[in-house]
C-alpha atoms as a PDB file:
ATOM      1  CA  MET A   1      89.972 186.229 130.200  1.00  0.00           C
ATOM      2  CA  PRO A   2      88.517 182.681 130.575  1.00  0.00           C
ATOM      3  CA  ALA A   3      92.049 181.257 130.644  1.00  0.00           C
ATOM      4  CA  ILE A   4      92.963 183.576 133.516  1.00  0.00           C
ATOM      5  CA  LEU A   5      89.866 182.550 135.472  1.00  0.00           C
ATOM      6  CA  GLU A   6      90.618 178.879 134.846  1.00  0.00           C
ATOM      7  CA  ALA A   7      94.198 179.341 136.048  1.00  0.00           C
ATOM      8  CA  MET A   8      92.976 181.098 139.178  1.00  0.00           C
ATOM      9  CA  GLU A   9      90.499 178.309 139.881  1.00  0.00           C
ATOM     10  CA  SER A  10      93.160 175.627 139.465  1.00  0.00           C
ATOM     11  CA  GLU A  11      95.366 177.411 142.006  1.00  0.00           C
ATOM     12  CA  GLU A  12      92.507 177.403 144.490  1.00  0.00           C
ATOM     13  CA  LYS A  13      91.851 173.665 144.267  1.00  0.00           C
ATOM     14  CA  GLN A  14      91.524 172.092 147.665  1.00  0.00           C
ATOM     15  CA  THR A  15      93.768 169.239 148.705  1.00  0.00           C
ATOM     16  CA  TYR A  16      92.522 166.450 150.916  1.00  0.00           C
ATOM     17  CA  HIS A  17      94.590 164.572 153.477  1.00  0.00           C
ATOM     18  CA  TYR A  18      93.333 161.443 155.181  1.00  0.00           C
ATOM     19  CA  PRO A  19      96.462 159.542 156.189  1.00  0.00           C
ATOM     20  CA  LEU A  20      96.375 156.089 157.732  1.00  0.00           C
ATOM     21  CA  LYS A  21      96.807 156.484 161.481  1.00  0.00           C
ATOM     22  CA  PRO A  22      98.887 153.965 163.455  1.00  0.00           C
ATOM     23  CA  ASN A  23      96.859 150.846 164.319  1.00  0.00           C
ATOM     24  CA  TYR A  24      93.808 152.189 162.456  1.00  0.00           C
ATOM     25  CA  ARG A  25      93.810 149.270 160.029  1.00  0.00           C
ATOM     26  CA  GLU A  26      93.589 146.812 162.933  1.00  0.00           C
ATOM     27  CA  HIS A  27      90.874 148.946 164.538  1.00  0.00           C
ATOM     28  CA  ILE A  28      88.553 148.772 161.530  1.00  0.00           C
ATOM     29  CA  HIS A  29      89.216 145.124 160.597  1.00  0.00           C
ATOM     30  CA  ASN A  30      86.777 143.640 163.087  1.00  0.00           C
ATOM     31  CA  PRO A  31      82.987 143.734 163.469  1.00  0.00           C
ATOM     32  CA  GLU A  32      82.989 146.527 166.050  1.00  0.00           C
ATOM     33  CA  GLY A  33      85.368 148.647 163.987  1.00  0.00           C
ATOM     34  CA  VAL A  34      83.286 148.215 160.849  1.00  0.00           C
ATOM     35  CA  ARG A  35      80.127 149.175 162.755  1.00  0.00           C
ATOM     36  CA  GLY A  36      81.997 152.245 164.009  1.00  0.00           C
ATOM     37  CA  LEU A  37      82.399 153.419 160.426  1.00  0.00           C
ATOM     38  CA  VAL A  38      78.647 153.997 160.331  1.00  0.00           C
ATOM     39  CA  GLU A  39      79.104 156.704 162.984  1.00  0.00           C
ATOM     40  CA  HIS A  40      82.405 158.162 161.770  1.00  0.00           C
ATOM     41  CA  SER A  41      83.872 157.531 158.348  1.00  0.00           C
ATOM     42  CA  MET A  42      86.890 159.377 157.000  1.00  0.00           C
ATOM     43  CA  LEU A  43      85.641 158.507 153.525  1.00  0.00           C
ATOM     44  CA  MET A  44      82.257 160.147 154.147  1.00  0.00           C
ATOM     45  CA  ASP A  45      84.003 163.189 155.671  1.00  0.00           C
ATOM     46  CA  MET A  46      86.167 163.508 152.569  1.00  0.00           C
ATOM     47  CA  LEU A  47      83.189 163.184 150.230  1.00  0.00           C
ATOM     48  CA  ARG A  48      81.318 165.881 152.152  1.00  0.00           C
ATOM     49  CA  LYS A  49      84.302 168.230 151.956  1.00  0.00           C
ATOM     50  CA  MET A  50      84.676 167.562 148.247  1.00  0.00           C
ATOM     51  CA  ASP A  51      80.970 168.262 147.744  1.00  0.00           C
ATOM     52  CA  THR A  52      81.315 171.524 149.674  1.00  0.00           C
ATOM     53  CA  ASP A  53      84.261 172.454 147.453  1.00  0.00           C
ATOM     54  CA  GLY A  54      82.101 172.045 144.365  1.00  0.00           C
ATOM     55  CA  HIS A  55      82.993 168.521 143.232  1.00  0.00           C
ATOM     56  CA  ASP A  56      80.144 166.307 142.039  1.00  0.00           C
ATOM     57  CA  VAL A  57      80.522 163.261 144.267  1.00  0.00           C
ATOM     58  CA  ALA A  58      76.831 162.328 144.401  1.00  0.00           C
ATOM     59  CA  GLY A  59      77.410 158.870 142.909  1.00  0.00           C
ATOM     60  CA  ALA A  60      80.205 157.981 145.321  1.00  0.00           C
ATOM     61  CA  THR A  61      78.187 159.339 148.254  1.00  0.00           C
ATOM     62  CA  ALA A  62      75.178 157.233 147.231  1.00  0.00           C
ATOM     63  CA  GLU A  63      77.353 154.092 147.032  1.00  0.00           C
ATOM     64  CA  LEU A  64      78.960 154.706 150.422  1.00  0.00           C
ATOM     65  CA  THR A  65      75.583 155.462 152.000  1.00  0.00           C
ATOM     66  CA  ALA A  66      74.210 152.180 150.611  1.00  0.00           C
ATOM     67  CA  MET A  67      77.161 150.244 152.064  1.00  0.00           C
ATOM     68  CA  LEU A  68      76.814 151.913 155.461  1.00  0.00           C
ATOM     69  CA  ASN A  69      73.067 151.195 155.484  1.00  0.00           C
ATOM     70  CA  TYR A  70      73.807 147.560 154.623  1.00  0.00           C
ATOM     71  CA  ILE A  71      76.284 147.340 157.518  1.00  0.00           C
ATOM     72  CA  THR A  72      73.650 148.749 159.861  1.00  0.00           C
ATOM     73  CA  GLY A  73      71.010 146.302 158.606  1.00  0.00           C
ATOM     74  CA  VAL A  74      73.303 143.292 158.934  1.00  0.00           C
ATOM     75  CA  SER A  75      74.305 144.359 162.456  1.00  0.00           C
ATOM     76  CA  ILE A  76      70.657 144.566 163.508  1.00  0.00           C
ATOM     77  CA  CYS A  77      69.930 141.187 161.921  1.00  0.00           C
ATOM     78  CA  LEU A  78      72.889 139.544 163.682  1.00  0.00           C
ATOM     79  CA  ARG A  79      71.790 140.983 167.046  1.00  0.00           C
ATOM     80  CA  ASP A  80      68.281 139.614 166.450  1.00  0.00           C
ATOM     81  CA  ILE A  81      69.697 136.172 165.630  1.00  0.00           C
ATOM     82  CA  GLN A  82      71.845 136.274 168.768  1.00  0.00           C
ATOM     83  CA  THR A  83      68.853 137.217 170.919  1.00  0.00           C
ATOM     84  CA  HIS A  84      66.701 134.465 169.398  1.00  0.00           C
ATOM     85  CA  ALA A  85      69.482 131.906 169.827  1.00  0.00           C
ATOM     86  CA  GLN A  86      69.809 132.831 173.505  1.00  0.00           C
ATOM     87  CA  TYR A  87      66.039 132.448 173.927  1.00  0.00           C
ATOM     88  CA  VAL A  88      66.050 129.018 172.268  1.00  0.00           C
ATOM     89  CA  LEU A  89      68.955 127.873 174.460  1.00  0.00           C
ATOM     90  CA  ASN A  90      67.165 129.065 177.589  1.00  0.00           C
ATOM     91  CA  GLN A  91      64.011 127.212 176.528  1.00  0.00           C
ATOM     92  CA  ALA A  92      65.997 124.055 175.723  1.00  0.00           C
ATOM     93  CA  HIS A  93      67.661 124.083 179.144  1.00  0.00           C
ATOM     94  CA  SER A  94      64.278 124.154 180.872  1.00  0.00           C
ATOM     95  CA  PHE A  95      63.419 120.634 179.590  1.00  0.00           C
END
């Protein structure tokens, strides 16, 4: 009986399809595209679906979440630097 259940489960395994769309590589290979992955990531979507289907992907999800949080933090830091640089330039021009 366990062999029959195992065979039935293997037939029900979900397949996942996340093909590379035309020009998608170029879209994500720039700062704006990378920041966009924080909002919508095919990888995170796939991990969520796999988790829903009963796969233990907690480690991979934790790693991806850490990377996305790092991207967000770096983006905020770079915006702060840009704002401060603009302020310094404005102050320097007033002399």
